[in-house]
Amino acid sequence: QDPGNLLLRRHAVHDVHAAWDCLSAATGPGRRHRLLPEMTVVHGQLAALLHDDPDSAISGAQAERLELMPFPKPTVAQRLRWTLDSPRTHILAVRLTVACLLAGSVAILTGLPRPDWAVITAAMILHQGTDRVLGSWRGLHRCIGTVLGVGLLAALAVPLQHPIWLIVIVAGLMAGTEAFLVVNYAVAMVFITPLAMILGEPSAPVSGSGAVIARIAETLLGVGVALVVLWVVAPRGYRTVLRDAERRVARAVAAVESSSGDLAALNRRRLEYELRAAAVAFQHAGYSSPGWARAQWPAHHRLHQGAYELVVRRSAEQ
């Protein structure tokens, strides 16, 4: 309805990628999923739209070639091999080590009953990536959700003493967690907090105001430590991560250009993976430093446009 809307186009590309990932996960090696023809048509419509020709039709031969374009998600072994030497991995490891040791030590020294809660809180803030802005928002969501969650737990104190209601409440909290975890982290924490407290103390699901106050204190400690580490340890790590991601794309492009046969197919998958990683790295850089990211955009765009054209051309040649 609005082919010129760049935000809608971006969402469409993201959703098609996500659909291919789901289809790949649902299909075993060497098998064709029954939704493959439908996804091929949708992918073709998107490709035509992105090339400013929404009314173009896709022939059978083009559709057959199109099925070669999306790549299955790399295996766990491949992803580990490709990312172990990444600066992003190193930055995350250093930040997590510092934050977890610091949060746990402070919690123990101050006599908080569950130091592990502070450690887990810090880890949950930092493990998502190097983006300081999104990490800070995640910390705020965790604080708000935890406070509301312990309030919910206090309100459920009486029914939790009865086994039947305990089962019903736990099931409801699990359902709420699944429903909101990828939608809104603060809302999800409203369900996660009482669920974790109930499962963590099965003999006494609600242990009074002392446990409630302790959980809030441990959460604030974990979030505070995580935010300090996020902004102080490798504060410009997003730049290092983006530059490395772009170098990986360039190396993957060279590997695709110089290979053939089964090796070429593997290299194309690697290139597609590196392109996605570089896009995420640029997004994080854009949040953290919009001015710096804007200056990197022309080179980033040229590299990615040429790489995607290479992927499509080589896939069609096979």
C-alpha atoms as a PDB file:
ATOM      1  CA  GLN A   1       0.000   0.000   0.000  1.00  0.00           C
ATOM      2  CA  ASP A   2       2.940   2.339   0.626  1.00  0.00           C
ATOM      3  CA  PRO A   3       5.990   0.991  -1.253  1.00  0.00           C
ATOM      4  CA  GLY A   4       7.992   4.156  -0.589  1.00  0.00           C
ATOM      5  CA  ASN A   5       7.822   3.818   3.198  1.00  0.00           C
ATOM      6  CA  LEU A   6      11.372   2.839   4.206  1.00  0.00           C
ATOM      7  CA  LEU A   7      10.350   1.711   7.689  1.00  0.00           C
ATOM      8  CA  LEU A   8       7.695  -0.635   6.307  1.00  0.00           C
ATOM      9  CA  ARG A   9      10.178  -2.000   3.767  1.00  0.00           C
ATOM     10  CA  ARG A  10      12.673  -2.689   6.539  1.00  0.00           C
ATOM     11  CA  HIS A  11      10.039  -4.476   8.602  1.00  0.00           C
ATOM     12  CA  ALA A  12       9.048  -6.542   5.569  1.00  0.00           C
ATOM     13  CA  VAL A  13      12.641  -7.653   4.970  1.00  0.00           C
ATOM     14  CA  HIS A  14      13.059  -8.502   8.656  1.00  0.00           C
ATOM     15  CA  ASP A  15       9.836 -10.531   8.730  1.00  0.00           C
ATOM     16  CA  VAL A  16      10.722 -12.485   5.590  1.00  0.00           C
ATOM     17  CA  HIS A  17      14.137 -13.316   7.047  1.00  0.00           C
ATOM     18  CA  ALA A  18      12.467 -14.440  10.280  1.00  0.00           C
ATOM     19  CA  ALA A  19       9.990 -16.590   8.337  1.00  0.00           C
ATOM     20  CA  TRP A  20      12.818 -18.305   6.442  1.00  0.00           C
ATOM     21  CA  ASP A  21      14.604 -18.978   9.756  1.00  0.00           C
ATOM     22  CA  CYS A  22      11.451 -20.582  11.177  1.00  0.00           C
ATOM     23  CA  LEU A  23      10.990 -22.645   8.042  1.00  0.00           C
ATOM     24  CA  SER A  24      14.608 -23.786   8.144  1.00  0.00           C
ATOM     25  CA  ALA A  25      14.286 -24.756  11.815  1.00  0.00           C
ATOM     26  CA  ALA A  26      11.122 -26.746  11.078  1.00  0.00           C
ATOM     27  CA  THR A  27      12.650 -28.645   8.169  1.00  0.00           C
ATOM     28  CA  GLY A  28      15.162 -31.454   8.541  1.00  0.00           C
ATOM     29  CA  PRO A  29      18.205 -31.793   6.286  1.00  0.00           C
ATOM     30  CA  GLY A  30      17.266 -32.698   2.745  1.00  0.00           C
ATOM     31  CA  ARG A  31      13.529 -32.191   3.293  1.00  0.00           C
ATOM     32  CA  ARG A  32      11.161 -29.751   1.666  1.00  0.00           C
ATOM     33  CA  HIS A  33       8.598 -28.094   3.896  1.00  0.00           C
ATOM     34  CA  ARG A  34       5.046 -27.849   2.578  1.00  0.00           C
ATOM     35  CA  LEU A  35       5.152 -24.051   3.021  1.00  0.00           C
ATOM     36  CA  LEU A  36       8.226 -23.677   0.809  1.00  0.00           C
ATOM     37  CA  PRO A  37       6.242 -22.761  -2.367  1.00  0.00           C
ATOM     38  CA  GLU A  38       4.234 -20.168  -0.453  1.00  0.00           C
ATOM     39  CA  MET A  39       7.367 -18.641   1.077  1.00  0.00           C
ATOM     40  CA  THR A  40       9.002 -18.554  -2.329  1.00  0.00           C
ATOM     41  CA  VAL A  41       6.095 -16.532  -3.709  1.00  0.00           C
ATOM     42  CA  VAL A  42       6.213 -14.116  -0.776  1.00  0.00           C
ATOM     43  CA  HIS A  43       9.975 -13.739  -1.140  1.00  0.00           C
ATOM     44  CA  GLY A  44       9.541 -13.046  -4.838  1.00  0.00           C
ATOM     45  CA  GLN A  45       6.922 -10.389  -4.145  1.00  0.00           C
ATOM     46  CA  LEU A  46       9.255  -8.713  -1.681  1.00  0.00           C
ATOM     47  CA  ALA A  47      12.163  -8.816  -4.135  1.00  0.00           C
ATOM     48  CA  ALA A  48       9.995  -7.255  -6.835  1.00  0.00           C
ATOM     49  CA  LEU A  49       8.828  -4.571  -4.438  1.00  0.00           C
ATOM     50  CA  LEU A  50      12.338  -3.707  -3.322  1.00  0.00           C
ATOM     51  CA  HIS A  51      13.334  -3.345  -6.962  1.00  0.00           C
ATOM     52  CA  ASP A  52      10.457  -0.883  -7.451  1.00  0.00           C
ATOM     53  CA  ASP A  53       8.530  -3.264  -9.684  1.00  0.00           C
ATOM     54  CA  PRO A  54       5.656  -4.531  -7.507  1.00  0.00           C
ATOM     55  CA  ASP A  55       3.612  -5.742 -10.483  1.00  0.00           C
ATOM     56  CA  SER A  56       6.254  -7.991 -12.001  1.00  0.00           C
ATOM     57  CA  ALA A  57       5.472 -11.711 -12.206  1.00  0.00           C
ATOM     58  CA  ILE A  58       7.920 -14.474 -11.322  1.00  0.00           C
ATOM     59  CA  SER A  59       8.311 -17.310 -13.739  1.00  0.00           C
ATOM     60  CA  GLY A  60       8.727 -20.935 -12.724  1.00  0.00           C
ATOM     61  CA  ALA A  61      12.425 -20.853 -13.577  1.00  0.00           C
ATOM     62  CA  GLN A  62      12.924 -17.713 -11.497  1.00  0.00           C
ATOM     63  CA  ALA A  63      11.089 -19.307  -8.587  1.00  0.00           C
ATOM     64  CA  GLU A  64      13.356 -22.351  -8.747  1.00  0.00           C
ATOM     65  CA  ARG A  65      16.403 -20.100  -8.587  1.00  0.00           C
ATOM     66  CA  LEU A  66      14.832 -18.095  -5.794  1.00  0.00           C
ATOM     67  CA  GLU A  67      14.656 -21.187  -3.603  1.00  0.00           C
ATOM     68  CA  LEU A  68      18.440 -21.241  -3.663  1.00  0.00           C
ATOM     69  CA  MET A  69      18.744 -17.700  -2.305  1.00  0.00           C
ATOM     70  CA  PRO A  70      17.696 -18.020   1.358  1.00  0.00           C
ATOM     71  CA  PHE A  71      20.179 -19.998   3.406  1.00  0.00           C
ATOM     72  CA  PRO A  72      19.416 -22.253   6.357  1.00  0.00           C
ATOM     73  CA  LYS A  73      20.525 -20.989   9.741  1.00  0.00           C
ATOM     74  CA  PRO A  74      24.158 -21.900  10.454  1.00  0.00           C
ATOM     75  CA  THR A  75      24.707 -24.718  12.905  1.00  0.00           C
ATOM     76  CA  VAL A  76      25.792 -24.074  16.478  1.00  0.00           C
ATOM     77  CA  ALA A  77      29.274 -25.354  15.654  1.00  0.00           C
ATOM     78  CA  GLN A  78      29.566 -22.960  12.720  1.00  0.00           C
ATOM     79  CA  ARG A  79      28.401 -19.967  14.746  1.00  0.00           C
ATOM     80  CA  LEU A  80      30.863 -20.788  17.520  1.00  0.00           C
ATOM     81  CA  ARG A  81      33.683 -21.147  15.009  1.00  0.00           C
ATOM     82  CA  TRP A  82      32.827 -17.864  13.293  1.00  0.00           C
ATOM     83  CA  THR A  83      32.448 -15.741  16.441  1.00  0.00           C
ATOM     84  CA  LEU A  84      34.969 -17.001  19.007  1.00  0.00           C
ATOM     85  CA  ASP A  85      37.582 -14.504  17.822  1.00  0.00           C
ATOM     86  CA  SER A  86      35.084 -11.641  17.476  1.00  0.00           C
ATOM     87  CA  PRO A  87      35.689  -8.427  19.500  1.00  0.00           C
ATOM     88  CA  ARG A  88      32.006  -8.524  20.404  1.00  0.00           C
ATOM     89  CA  THR A  89      32.555 -11.859  22.162  1.00  0.00           C
ATOM     90  CA  HIS A  90      35.611 -10.534  23.976  1.00  0.00           C
ATOM     91  CA  ILE A  91      33.870  -7.333  25.119  1.00  0.00           C
ATOM     92  CA  LEU A  92      30.856  -9.260  26.380  1.00  0.00           C
ATOM     93  CA  ALA A  93      33.080 -11.726  28.234  1.00  0.00           C
ATOM     94  CA  VAL A  94      35.059  -8.966  29.966  1.00  0.00           C
ATOM     95  CA  ARG A  95      31.955  -6.980  30.891  1.00  0.00           C
ATOM     96  CA  LEU A  96      30.143 -10.034  32.228  1.00  0.00           C
ATOM     97  CA  THR A  97      33.150 -11.142  34.277  1.00  0.00           C
ATOM     98  CA  VAL A  98      33.653  -7.719  35.849  1.00  0.00           C
ATOM     99  CA  ALA A  99      29.966  -7.094  36.523  1.00  0.00           C
ATOM    100  CA  CYS A 100      29.187 -10.533  37.945  1.00  0.00           C
ATOM    101  CA  LEU A 101      32.210 -10.537  40.262  1.00  0.00           C
ATOM    102  CA  LEU A 102      31.471  -7.003  41.422  1.00  0.00           C
ATOM    103  CA  ALA A 103      27.728  -7.540  41.942  1.00  0.00           C
ATOM    104  CA  GLY A 104      28.255 -10.815  43.783  1.00  0.00           C
ATOM    105  CA  SER A 105      30.995  -9.394  46.008  1.00  0.00           C
ATOM    106  CA  VAL A 106      28.982  -6.325  47.013  1.00  0.00           C
ATOM    107  CA  ALA A 107      25.909  -8.473  47.694  1.00  0.00           C
ATOM    108  CA  ILE A 108      27.916 -10.777  49.963  1.00  0.00           C
ATOM    109  CA  LEU A 109      29.649  -7.915  51.789  1.00  0.00           C
ATOM    110  CA  THR A 110      26.340  -6.134  52.434  1.00  0.00           C
ATOM    111  CA  GLY A 111      24.724  -9.309  53.745  1.00  0.00           C
ATOM    112  CA  LEU A 112      22.020  -9.701  51.111  1.00  0.00           C
ATOM    113  CA  PRO A 113      20.466 -13.195  51.343  1.00  0.00           C
ATOM    114  CA  ARG A 114      20.611 -14.034  47.637  1.00  0.00           C
ATOM    115  CA  PRO A 115      23.815 -12.730  45.997  1.00  0.00           C
ATOM    116  CA  ASP A 116      23.037 -14.932  43.005  1.00  0.00           C
ATOM    117  CA  TRP A 117      20.009 -12.734  42.244  1.00  0.00           C
ATOM    118  CA  ALA A 118      22.266  -9.666  41.891  1.00  0.00           C
ATOM    119  CA  VAL A 119      24.708 -11.637  39.715  1.00  0.00           C
ATOM    120  CA  ILE A 120      21.953 -12.959  37.456  1.00  0.00           C
ATOM    121  CA  THR A 121      20.441  -9.482  37.157  1.00  0.00           C
ATOM    122  CA  ALA A 122      23.756  -7.998  36.011  1.00  0.00           C
ATOM    123  CA  ALA A 123      24.270 -10.832  33.530  1.00  0.00           C
ATOM    124  CA  MET A 124      20.768 -10.432  32.061  1.00  0.00           C
ATOM    125  CA  ILE A 125      21.441  -6.737  31.371  1.00  0.00           C
ATOM    126  CA  LEU A 126      24.811  -7.253  29.697  1.00  0.00           C
ATOM    127  CA  HIS A 127      24.519 -10.495  27.739  1.00  0.00           C
ATOM    128  CA  GLN A 128      22.361  -9.009  24.959  1.00  0.00           C
ATOM    129  CA  GLY A 129      25.086  -7.018  23.260  1.00  0.00           C
ATOM    130  CA  THR A 130      27.353  -3.981  23.277  1.00  0.00           C
ATOM    131  CA  ASP A 131      24.671  -1.338  22.782  1.00  0.00           C
ATOM    132  CA  ARG A 132      24.728   1.010  25.774  1.00  0.00           C
ATOM    133  CA  VAL A 133      21.378   2.664  25.086  1.00  0.00           C
ATOM    134  CA  LEU A 134      19.388  -0.548  24.708  1.00  0.00           C
ATOM    135  CA  GLY A 135      21.228  -2.022  27.689  1.00  0.00           C
ATOM    136  CA  SER A 136      20.242   0.976  29.814  1.00  0.00           C
ATOM    137  CA  TRP A 137      16.604   0.641  28.795  1.00  0.00           C
ATOM    138  CA  ARG A 138      16.756  -3.054  29.607  1.00  0.00           C
ATOM    139  CA  GLY A 139      18.032  -2.208  33.084  1.00  0.00           C
ATOM    140  CA  LEU A 140      15.190   0.254  33.631  1.00  0.00           C
ATOM    141  CA  HIS A 141      12.671  -2.353  32.472  1.00  0.00           C
ATOM    142  CA  ARG A 142      14.184  -4.890  34.866  1.00  0.00           C
ATOM    143  CA  CYS A 143      13.852  -2.524  37.831  1.00  0.00           C
ATOM    144  CA  ILE A 144      10.248  -1.573  37.057  1.00  0.00           C
ATOM    145  CA  GLY A 145       9.205  -5.151  36.350  1.00  0.00           C
ATOM    146  CA  THR A 146      10.858  -6.489  39.494  1.00  0.00           C
ATOM    147  CA  VAL A 147       9.165  -3.954  41.781  1.00  0.00           C
ATOM    148  CA  LEU A 148       5.770  -4.702  40.243  1.00  0.00           C
ATOM    149  CA  GLY A 149       6.517  -8.431  40.309  1.00  0.00           C
ATOM    150  CA  VAL A 150       7.265  -8.565  44.024  1.00  0.00           C
ATOM    151  CA  GLY A 151       4.107  -6.536  44.579  1.00  0.00           C
ATOM    152  CA  LEU A 152       2.161  -9.139  42.638  1.00  0.00           C
ATOM    153  CA  LEU A 153       3.760 -11.876  44.722  1.00  0.00           C
ATOM    154  CA  ALA A 154       2.743 -10.130  47.935  1.00  0.00           C
ATOM    155  CA  ALA A 155      -0.834  -9.844  46.642  1.00  0.00           C
ATOM    156  CA  LEU A 156      -0.860 -13.603  45.958  1.00  0.00           C
ATOM    157  CA  ALA A 157       0.468 -14.520  49.407  1.00  0.00           C
ATOM    158  CA  VAL A 158      -2.772 -16.057  50.694  1.00  0.00           C
ATOM    159  CA  PRO A 159      -3.767 -18.231  47.701  1.00  0.00           C
ATOM    160  CA  LEU A 160      -0.168 -19.451  47.353  1.00  0.00           C
ATOM    161  CA  GLN A 161      -0.549 -21.321  50.646  1.00  0.00           C
ATOM    162  CA  HIS A 162      -2.993 -23.741  48.981  1.00  0.00           C
ATOM    163  CA  PRO A 163      -1.459 -26.417  46.670  1.00  0.00           C
ATOM    164  CA  ILE A 164      -4.148 -26.178  43.971  1.00  0.00           C
ATOM    165  CA  TRP A 165      -3.866 -22.403  43.744  1.00  0.00           C
ATOM    166  CA  LEU A 166      -0.071 -22.690  43.784  1.00  0.00           C
ATOM    167  CA  ILE A 167      -0.204 -24.865  40.652  1.00  0.00           C
ATOM    168  CA  VAL A 168      -2.672 -22.532  38.925  1.00  0.00           C
ATOM    169  CA  ILE A 169      -0.643 -19.412  39.756  1.00  0.00           C
ATOM    170  CA  VAL A 170       2.653 -20.940  38.608  1.00  0.00           C
ATOM    171  CA  ALA A 171       1.043 -21.983  35.316  1.00  0.00           C
ATOM    172  CA  GLY A 172      -0.362 -18.483  34.861  1.00  0.00           C
ATOM    173  CA  LEU A 173       3.011 -16.868  35.575  1.00  0.00           C
ATOM    174  CA  MET A 174       4.704 -19.158  33.052  1.00  0.00           C
ATOM    175  CA  ALA A 175       2.101 -18.267  30.428  1.00  0.00           C
ATOM    176  CA  GLY A 176       2.581 -14.560  31.096  1.00  0.00           C
ATOM    177  CA  THR A 177       6.343 -14.916  30.790  1.00  0.00           C
ATOM    178  CA  GLU A 178       6.063 -16.653  27.418  1.00  0.00           C
ATOM    179  CA  ALA A 179       3.513 -14.130  26.156  1.00  0.00           C
ATOM    180  CA  PHE A 180       5.497 -10.979  26.985  1.00  0.00           C
ATOM    181  CA  LEU A 181       9.181 -11.960  27.036  1.00  0.00           C
ATOM    182  CA  VAL A 182       9.797 -10.876  23.426  1.00  0.00           C
ATOM    183  CA  VAL A 183       7.193  -8.101  23.496  1.00  0.00           C
ATOM    184  CA  ASN A 184       7.998  -6.000  26.568  1.00  0.00           C
ATOM    185  CA  TYR A 185      10.725  -6.904  29.045  1.00  0.00           C
ATOM    186  CA  ALA A 186       9.256  -4.871  31.916  1.00  0.00           C
ATOM    187  CA  VAL A 187       5.887  -6.624  31.635  1.00  0.00           C
ATOM    188  CA  ALA A 188       7.625  -9.993  31.338  1.00  0.00           C
ATOM    189  CA  MET A 189       9.566  -9.278  34.554  1.00  0.00           C
ATOM    190  CA  VAL A 190       6.257  -8.775  36.371  1.00  0.00           C
ATOM    191  CA  PHE A 191       5.647 -12.498  35.744  1.00  0.00           C
ATOM    192  CA  ILE A 192       9.265 -13.700  35.927  1.00  0.00           C
ATOM    193  CA  THR A 193       9.986 -12.198  39.356  1.00  0.00           C
ATOM    194  CA  PRO A 194       7.266 -13.952  41.379  1.00  0.00           C
ATOM    195  CA  LEU A 195       7.804 -17.140  39.381  1.00  0.00           C
ATOM    196  CA  ALA A 196      11.524 -17.164  40.207  1.00  0.00           C
ATOM    197  CA  MET A 197      10.859 -16.429  43.860  1.00  0.00           C
ATOM    198  CA  ILE A 198       8.272 -19.202  44.116  1.00  0.00           C
ATOM    199  CA  LEU A 199      10.432 -21.798  42.365  1.00  0.00           C
ATOM    200  CA  GLY A 200      13.521 -20.690  44.275  1.00  0.00           C
ATOM    201  CA  GLU A 201      11.869 -21.341  47.637  1.00  0.00           C
ATOM    202  CA  PRO A 202       9.469 -24.251  47.101  1.00  0.00           C
ATOM    203  CA  SER A 203       9.045 -24.912  50.807  1.00  0.00           C
ATOM    204  CA  ALA A 204       8.020 -21.316  51.515  1.00  0.00           C
ATOM    205  CA  PRO A 205       6.833 -19.555  48.355  1.00  0.00           C
ATOM    206  CA  VAL A 206       6.229 -16.279  50.172  1.00  0.00           C
ATOM    207  CA  SER A 207       8.518 -15.462  53.066  1.00  0.00           C
ATOM    208  CA  GLY A 208       7.255 -12.003  53.971  1.00  0.00           C
ATOM    209  CA  SER A 209       8.342  -8.439  53.442  1.00  0.00           C
ATOM    210  CA  GLY A 210      11.980  -9.235  54.161  1.00  0.00           C
ATOM    211  CA  ALA A 211      12.304 -11.358  51.028  1.00  0.00           C
ATOM    212  CA  VAL A 212      10.465  -8.718  48.975  1.00  0.00           C
ATOM    213  CA  ILE A 213      12.791  -5.942  50.132  1.00  0.00           C
ATOM    214  CA  ALA A 214      15.852  -8.152  49.586  1.00  0.00           C
ATOM    215  CA  ARG A 215      14.826  -9.004  46.031  1.00  0.00           C
ATOM    216  CA  ILE A 216      14.370  -5.320  45.187  1.00  0.00           C
ATOM    217  CA  ALA A 217      17.726  -4.425  46.750  1.00  0.00           C
ATOM    218  CA  GLU A 218      19.510  -7.225  44.882  1.00  0.00           C
ATOM    219  CA  THR A 219      17.897  -6.183  41.619  1.00  0.00           C
ATOM    220  CA  LEU A 220      18.867  -2.531  42.066  1.00  0.00           C
ATOM    221  CA  LEU A 221      22.416  -3.614  42.899  1.00  0.00           C
ATOM    222  CA  GLY A 222      22.678  -5.874  39.851  1.00  0.00           C
ATOM    223  CA  VAL A 223      21.228  -3.254  37.510  1.00  0.00           C
ATOM    224  CA  GLY A 224      23.405  -0.500  38.934  1.00  0.00           C
ATOM    225  CA  VAL A 225      26.597  -2.518  38.550  1.00  0.00           C
ATOM    226  CA  ALA A 226      25.625  -3.590  35.033  1.00  0.00           C
ATOM    227  CA  LEU A 227      24.967  -0.012  33.900  1.00  0.00           C
ATOM    228  CA  VAL A 228      28.262   1.235  35.332  1.00  0.00           C
ATOM    229  CA  VAL A 229      30.148  -1.558  33.567  1.00  0.00           C
ATOM    230  CA  LEU A 230      28.178  -0.977  30.353  1.00  0.00           C
ATOM    231  CA  TRP A 231      29.207   2.683  30.189  1.00  0.00           C
ATOM    232  CA  VAL A 232      32.728   2.416  31.652  1.00  0.00           C
ATOM    233  CA  VAL A 233      34.223  -0.855  30.357  1.00  0.00           C
ATOM    234  CA  ALA A 234      34.991  -0.548  26.604  1.00  0.00           C
ATOM    235  CA  PRO A 235      32.690   2.490  26.230  1.00  0.00           C
ATOM    236  CA  ARG A 236      33.334   2.656  22.483  1.00  0.00           C
ATOM    237  CA  GLY A 237      33.217  -1.067  21.949  1.00  0.00           C
ATOM    238  CA  TYR A 238      30.403  -0.660  19.434  1.00  0.00           C
ATOM    239  CA  ARG A 239      32.884   1.007  17.051  1.00  0.00           C
ATOM    240  CA  THR A 240      35.338  -1.870  17.337  1.00  0.00           C
ATOM    241  CA  VAL A 241      32.521  -4.369  16.803  1.00  0.00           C
ATOM    242  CA  LEU A 242      31.229  -2.574  13.682  1.00  0.00           C
ATOM    243  CA  ARG A 243      34.660  -2.236  12.090  1.00  0.00           C
ATOM    244  CA  ASP A 244      35.369  -5.905  12.715  1.00  0.00           C
ATOM    245  CA  ALA A 245      31.960  -6.893  11.308  1.00  0.00           C
ATOM    246  CA  GLU A 246      32.645  -4.937   8.122  1.00  0.00           C
ATOM    247  CA  ARG A 247      36.052  -6.590   7.738  1.00  0.00           C
ATOM    248  CA  ARG A 248      34.405  -9.988   8.107  1.00  0.00           C
ATOM    249  CA  VAL A 249      31.904  -9.105   5.378  1.00  0.00           C
ATOM    250  CA  ALA A 250      34.734  -8.037   3.073  1.00  0.00           C
ATOM    251  CA  ARG A 251      36.628 -11.301   3.714  1.00  0.00           C
ATOM    252  CA  ALA A 252      33.465 -13.319   3.129  1.00  0.00           C
ATOM    253  CA  VAL A 253      32.888 -11.491  -0.168  1.00  0.00           C
ATOM    254  CA  ALA A 254      36.407 -12.389  -1.300  1.00  0.00           C
ATOM    255  CA  ALA A 255      35.841 -16.028  -0.296  1.00  0.00           C
ATOM    256  CA  VAL A 256      32.617 -16.230  -2.331  1.00  0.00           C
ATOM    257  CA  GLU A 257      34.274 -14.707  -5.375  1.00  0.00           C
ATOM    258  CA  SER A 258      37.178 -17.168  -5.297  1.00  0.00           C
ATOM    259  CA  SER A 259      35.277 -20.419  -4.580  1.00  0.00           C
ATOM    260  CA  SER A 260      33.026 -22.822  -6.454  1.00  0.00           C
ATOM    261  CA  GLY A 261      30.873 -25.905  -5.864  1.00  0.00           C
ATOM    262  CA  ASP A 262      29.971 -26.972  -2.335  1.00  0.00           C
ATOM    263  CA  LEU A 263      32.570 -24.636  -0.879  1.00  0.00           C
ATOM    264  CA  ALA A 264      30.929 -21.706  -2.662  1.00  0.00           C
ATOM    265  CA  ALA A 265      27.567 -22.597  -1.116  1.00  0.00           C
ATOM    266  CA  LEU A 266      29.133 -22.687   2.362  1.00  0.00           C
ATOM    267  CA  ASN A 267      30.876 -19.367   1.737  1.00  0.00           C
ATOM    268  CA  ARG A 268      27.602 -17.781   0.601  1.00  0.00           C
ATOM    269  CA  ARG A 269      25.961 -18.926   3.819  1.00  0.00           C
ATOM    270  CA  ARG A 270      28.879 -17.439   5.772  1.00  0.00           C
ATOM    271  CA  LEU A 271      28.546 -14.173   3.850  1.00  0.00           C
ATOM    272  CA  GLU A 272      24.828 -13.959   4.517  1.00  0.00           C
ATOM    273  CA  TYR A 273      25.474 -14.600   8.210  1.00  0.00           C
ATOM    274  CA  GLU A 274      28.170 -11.909   8.372  1.00  0.00           C
ATOM    275  CA  LEU A 275      25.896  -9.435   6.584  1.00  0.00           C
ATOM    276  CA  ARG A 276      23.220  -9.901   9.222  1.00  0.00           C
ATOM    277  CA  ALA A 277      25.767  -9.555  12.028  1.00  0.00           C
ATOM    278  CA  ALA A 278      27.149  -6.367  10.487  1.00  0.00           C
ATOM    279  CA  ALA A 279      23.631  -4.937  10.126  1.00  0.00           C
ATOM    280  CA  VAL A 280      23.000  -5.531  13.838  1.00  0.00           C
ATOM    281  CA  ALA A 281      26.390  -4.006  14.701  1.00  0.00           C
ATOM    282  CA  PHE A 282      25.536  -0.899  12.695  1.00  0.00           C
ATOM    283  CA  GLN A 283      22.152  -0.654  14.407  1.00  0.00           C
ATOM    284  CA  HIS A 284      23.832  -0.757  17.826  1.00  0.00           C
ATOM    285  CA  ALA A 285      26.358   1.866  16.710  1.00  0.00           C
ATOM    286  CA  GLY A 286      23.496   4.043  15.475  1.00  0.00           C
ATOM    287  CA  TYR A 287      21.815   3.935  18.876  1.00  0.00           C
ATOM    288  CA  SER A 288      25.049   4.544  20.786  1.00  0.00           C
ATOM    289  CA  SER A 289      26.490   7.311  18.593  1.00  0.00           C
ATOM    290  CA  PRO A 290      24.160   8.534  15.808  1.00  0.00           C
ATOM    291  CA  GLY A 291      26.626  11.115  14.473  1.00  0.00           C
ATOM    292  CA  TRP A 292      29.505   8.665  14.161  1.00  0.00           C
ATOM    293  CA  ALA A 293      27.258   5.998  12.607  1.00  0.00           C
ATOM    294  CA  ARG A 294      25.911   8.502  10.078  1.00  0.00           C
ATOM    295  CA  ALA A 295      29.457   9.156   8.883  1.00  0.00           C
ATOM    296  CA  GLN A 296      30.004   5.384   8.411  1.00  0.00           C
ATOM    297  CA  TRP A 297      26.760   4.846   6.495  1.00  0.00           C
ATOM    298  CA  PRO A 298      27.930   5.478   2.867  1.00  0.00           C
ATOM    299  CA  ALA A 299      30.734   2.897   3.056  1.00  0.00           C
ATOM    300  CA  HIS A 300      28.523   0.476   4.983  1.00  0.00           C
ATOM    301  CA  HIS A 301      25.760   0.762   2.399  1.00  0.00           C
ATOM    302  CA  ARG A 302      28.095   0.278  -0.573  1.00  0.00           C
ATOM    303  CA  LEU A 303      29.680  -2.804   0.967  1.00  0.00           C
ATOM    304  CA  HIS A 304      26.354  -4.421   1.828  1.00  0.00           C
ATOM    305  CA  GLN A 305      24.680  -3.603  -1.468  1.00  0.00           C
ATOM    306  CA  GLY A 306      27.547  -5.148  -3.414  1.00  0.00           C
ATOM    307  CA  ALA A 307      27.643  -8.188  -1.122  1.00  0.00           C
ATOM    308  CA  TYR A 308      23.921  -8.907  -1.449  1.00  0.00           C
ATOM    309  CA  GLU A 309      24.104  -8.507  -5.233  1.00  0.00           C
ATOM    310  CA  LEU A 310      26.967 -11.017  -5.244  1.00  0.00           C
ATOM    311  CA  VAL A 311      24.947 -13.506  -3.150  1.00  0.00           C
ATOM    312  CA  VAL A 312      21.968 -13.272  -5.507  1.00  0.00           C
ATOM    313  CA  ARG A 313      24.112 -13.507  -8.643  1.00  0.00           C
ATOM    314  CA  ARG A 314      26.137 -16.505  -7.479  1.00  0.00           C
ATOM    315  CA  SER A 315      23.034 -18.285  -6.159  1.00  0.00           C
ATOM    316  CA  ALA A 316      21.298 -17.882  -9.494  1.00  0.00           C
ATOM    317  CA  GLU A 317      24.351 -19.243 -11.325  1.00  0.00           C
ATOM    318  CA  GLN A 318      24.327 -22.554  -9.397  1.00  0.00           C
END
